[in-house]
Structures are given as structure tokens and as C-alpha cells.
Amino acid sequence: MRIKKGDTVYVRTGQYKGKTGKVLHVDEKKHRVVVEGINMHKKHQRPTQKNQQGGILTLEGSIHISNVALYSSSLSGPTKISTKVITEGDKKRRVRVCRRTGEEI
């Protein structure tokens, strides 16, 4: 997966097209992400010991990972991601890189 928890993403399609938000959760098996403030739905919850009052909660739903793109603050828009291997002495590490500018993410 090229998008990770904590990244800021741009929604490319659907009802929330054009909005940006922070990734809260990534489900690698289902290829879905939960983005803060995107795809909101309501859940009716019974009173429990943790939530004594119960009521209607507003939660984020998941969206498919193909419908989001990483948001680049330097470009102030969406960007594609590629990976690059950097060697530092004996160690090698893989880094995500913005395709347009070439800067590390």
C-alpha cells in the first residue's frame, strides 16, 4: 500500500470529490481507507456501560483506496507516488517519492 495512516489524501471521485482529509485507518486486505470527515454515516447505539446515554453517533465510513490520491502541500493538489531505494552506507531503505517534484514524502 502506498497510502499510510496519517497521510493527507485528496478524494478523486464520489460525493466528497475535491475534499482532503487525514487517513485514520488503512485496511490492506479490503483495499479501503477511512478518511477523517469523509463518507460520514450515522449509527444508532444502545446505552451501554461505557456510553450510558446511547444515541445516534456520526462515524466515518471507508472508501476504496483507488478513489483517493496523496495530497502534496507543495503542489497544493494530488500527486502520484513512486518508491526509491536509498543506500546509506551498508543499509538500504525504501522511500516514497512524489513523481512530479521528486521530493521525499
C-alpha atoms as a PDB file:
ATOM      1  CA  MET A   1       0.000   0.000   0.000  1.00  0.00           C
ATOM      2  CA  ARG A   2       1.330   3.386  -0.919  1.00  0.00           C
ATOM      3  CA  ILE A   3      -1.027   5.314   1.347  1.00  0.00           C
ATOM      4  CA  LYS A   4      -0.421   5.011   5.074  1.00  0.00           C
ATOM      5  CA  LYS A   5      -2.093   6.075   8.299  1.00  0.00           C
ATOM      6  CA  GLY A   6      -1.554   9.763   8.991  1.00  0.00           C
ATOM      7  CA  ASP A   7      -1.179  10.800   5.332  1.00  0.00           C
ATOM      8  CA  THR A   8      -3.269  13.639   3.951  1.00  0.00           C
ATOM      9  CA  VAL A   9      -5.251  12.464   0.932  1.00  0.00           C
ATOM     10  CA  TYR A  10      -7.357  14.064  -1.792  1.00  0.00           C
ATOM     11  CA  VAL A  11     -10.685  12.391  -2.728  1.00  0.00           C
ATOM     12  CA  ARG A  12     -10.816  11.968  -6.517  1.00  0.00           C
ATOM     13  CA  THR A  13     -14.323  10.594  -7.065  1.00  0.00           C
ATOM     14  CA  GLY A  14     -17.722  10.323  -5.452  1.00  0.00           C
ATOM     15  CA  GLN A  15     -19.857  12.571  -3.293  1.00  0.00           C
ATOM     16  CA  TYR A  16     -16.839  14.041  -1.465  1.00  0.00           C
ATOM     17  CA  LYS A  17     -14.804  14.733  -4.634  1.00  0.00           C
ATOM     18  CA  GLY A  18     -12.270  17.528  -4.186  1.00  0.00           C
ATOM     19  CA  LYS A  19     -12.065  17.326  -0.380  1.00  0.00           C
ATOM     20  CA  THR A  20      -8.974  16.482   1.616  1.00  0.00           C
ATOM     21  CA  GLY A  21      -8.579  14.681   4.916  1.00  0.00           C
ATOM     22  CA  LYS A  22      -6.244  12.719   7.146  1.00  0.00           C
ATOM     23  CA  VAL A  23      -6.157   8.906   6.900  1.00  0.00           C
ATOM     24  CA  LEU A  24      -7.335   7.357  10.186  1.00  0.00           C
ATOM     25  CA  HIS A  25      -7.207   3.654   9.254  1.00  0.00           C
ATOM     26  CA  VAL A  26      -5.988   1.510   6.341  1.00  0.00           C
ATOM     27  CA  ASP A  27      -7.480  -1.939   5.640  1.00  0.00           C
ATOM     28  CA  GLU A  28      -4.904  -3.669   3.438  1.00  0.00           C
ATOM     29  CA  LYS A  29      -6.946  -6.825   2.800  1.00  0.00           C
ATOM     30  CA  LYS A  30     -10.014  -4.973   1.517  1.00  0.00           C
ATOM     31  CA  HIS A  31      -8.021  -2.083  -0.068  1.00  0.00           C
ATOM     32  CA  ARG A  32     -10.027   0.525   1.816  1.00  0.00           C
ATOM     33  CA  VAL A  33      -9.170   3.613   3.851  1.00  0.00           C
ATOM     34  CA  VAL A  34     -11.044   5.628   6.488  1.00  0.00           C
ATOM     35  CA  VAL A  35     -10.541   9.365   5.989  1.00  0.00           C
ATOM     36  CA  GLU A  36     -11.349  11.993   8.622  1.00  0.00           C
ATOM     37  CA  GLY A  37     -14.575  13.849   7.747  1.00  0.00           C
ATOM     38  CA  ILE A  38     -15.248  11.848   4.557  1.00  0.00           C
ATOM     39  CA  ASN A  39     -18.128   9.394   3.903  1.00  0.00           C
ATOM     40  CA  MET A  40     -19.943  10.186   7.141  1.00  0.00           C
ATOM     41  CA  HIS A  41     -22.819   7.951   8.244  1.00  0.00           C
ATOM     42  CA  LYS A  42     -24.973   7.651  11.338  1.00  0.00           C
ATOM     43  CA  LYS A  43     -25.023   4.701  13.728  1.00  0.00           C
ATOM     44  CA  HIS A  44     -27.745   4.148  16.323  1.00  0.00           C
ATOM     45  CA  GLN A  45     -26.245   2.850  19.538  1.00  0.00           C
ATOM     46  CA  ARG A  46     -27.908   1.406  22.605  1.00  0.00           C
ATOM     47  CA  PRO A  47     -26.932   2.593  26.056  1.00  0.00           C
ATOM     48  CA  THR A  48     -24.027   0.550  27.438  1.00  0.00           C
ATOM     49  CA  GLN A  49     -21.793   0.792  30.490  1.00  0.00           C
ATOM     50  CA  LYS A  50     -19.230   2.803  28.502  1.00  0.00           C
ATOM     51  CA  ASN A  51     -21.795   5.038  26.818  1.00  0.00           C
ATOM     52  CA  GLN A  52     -24.600   5.406  29.353  1.00  0.00           C
ATOM     53  CA  GLN A  53     -26.670   7.761  27.244  1.00  0.00           C
ATOM     54  CA  GLY A  54     -26.551   5.915  23.915  1.00  0.00           C
ATOM     55  CA  GLY A  55     -27.986   7.798  20.940  1.00  0.00           C
ATOM     56  CA  ILE A  56     -27.005   8.479  17.361  1.00  0.00           C
ATOM     57  CA  LEU A  57     -23.288   8.598  16.540  1.00  0.00           C
ATOM     58  CA  THR A  58     -21.793  10.104  13.377  1.00  0.00           C
ATOM     59  CA  LEU A  59     -18.876   7.994  12.104  1.00  0.00           C
ATOM     60  CA  GLU A  60     -16.577   7.915   9.092  1.00  0.00           C
ATOM     61  CA  GLY A  61     -17.114   5.115   6.607  1.00  0.00           C
ATOM     62  CA  SER A  62     -14.416   3.554   4.479  1.00  0.00           C
ATOM     63  CA  ILE A  63     -13.774   4.333   0.821  1.00  0.00           C
ATOM     64  CA  HIS A  64     -11.802   2.366  -1.751  1.00  0.00           C
ATOM     65  CA  ILE A  65      -8.128   3.250  -1.981  1.00  0.00           C
ATOM     66  CA  SER A  66      -8.379   3.816  -5.745  1.00  0.00           C
ATOM     67  CA  ASN A  67     -10.663   6.793  -5.082  1.00  0.00           C
ATOM     68  CA  VAL A  68      -8.017   8.752  -3.157  1.00  0.00           C
ATOM     69  CA  ALA A  69      -4.627  10.226  -4.047  1.00  0.00           C
ATOM     70  CA  LEU A  70      -1.895  11.500  -1.778  1.00  0.00           C
ATOM     71  CA  TYR A  71      -2.151  15.267  -1.272  1.00  0.00           C
ATOM     72  CA  SER A  72       1.046  17.248  -1.731  1.00  0.00           C
ATOM     73  CA  SER A  73       1.186  20.504   0.207  1.00  0.00           C
ATOM     74  CA  SER A  74       3.979  21.854  -2.006  1.00  0.00           C
ATOM     75  CA  LEU A  75       1.873  21.332  -5.146  1.00  0.00           C
ATOM     76  CA  SER A  76      -1.376  22.077  -3.275  1.00  0.00           C
ATOM     77  CA  GLY A  77      -3.015  19.198  -5.097  1.00  0.00           C
ATOM     78  CA  PRO A  78      -2.978  15.428  -5.621  1.00  0.00           C
ATOM     79  CA  THR A  79       0.146  13.603  -6.723  1.00  0.00           C
ATOM     80  CA  LYS A  80       1.221  10.121  -7.736  1.00  0.00           C
ATOM     81  CA  ILE A  81       3.714   8.194  -5.623  1.00  0.00           C
ATOM     82  CA  SER A  82       6.660   6.037  -6.566  1.00  0.00           C
ATOM     83  CA  THR A  83       9.269   4.308  -4.443  1.00  0.00           C
ATOM     84  CA  LYS A  84      13.009   4.785  -4.477  1.00  0.00           C
ATOM     85  CA  VAL A  85      15.773   2.801  -2.780  1.00  0.00           C
ATOM     86  CA  ILE A  86      18.340   4.909  -0.919  1.00  0.00           C
ATOM     87  CA  THR A  87      21.621   3.404   0.231  1.00  0.00           C
ATOM     88  CA  GLU A  88      23.219   4.834   3.359  1.00  0.00           C
ATOM     89  CA  GLY A  89      26.484   3.027   3.952  1.00  0.00           C
ATOM     90  CA  ASP A  90      25.617  -0.666   4.284  1.00  0.00           C
ATOM     91  CA  LYS A  91      21.909  -0.076   4.834  1.00  0.00           C
ATOM     92  CA  LYS A  92      19.234   0.272   2.185  1.00  0.00           C
ATOM     93  CA  ARG A  93      15.856   1.827   2.798  1.00  0.00           C
ATOM     94  CA  ARG A  94      12.830   2.319   0.614  1.00  0.00           C
ATOM     95  CA  VAL A  95      11.353   5.829   0.462  1.00  0.00           C
ATOM     96  CA  ARG A  96       8.112   7.150  -1.019  1.00  0.00           C
ATOM     97  CA  VAL A  97       8.739   9.901  -3.573  1.00  0.00           C
ATOM     98  CA  CYS A  98       6.455  12.460  -5.250  1.00  0.00           C
ATOM     99  CA  ARG A  99       6.545  11.789  -9.004  1.00  0.00           C
ATOM    100  CA  ARG A 100       6.161  15.427 -10.058  1.00  0.00           C
ATOM    101  CA  THR A 101       8.749  17.068  -7.824  1.00  0.00           C
ATOM    102  CA  GLY A 102      10.903  14.101  -6.810  1.00  0.00           C
ATOM    103  CA  GLU A 103      10.852  15.063  -3.114  1.00  0.00           C
ATOM    104  CA  GLU A 104      10.577  12.504  -0.326  1.00  0.00           C
ATOM    105  CA  ILE A 105       7.249  12.085   1.433  1.00  0.00           C
END
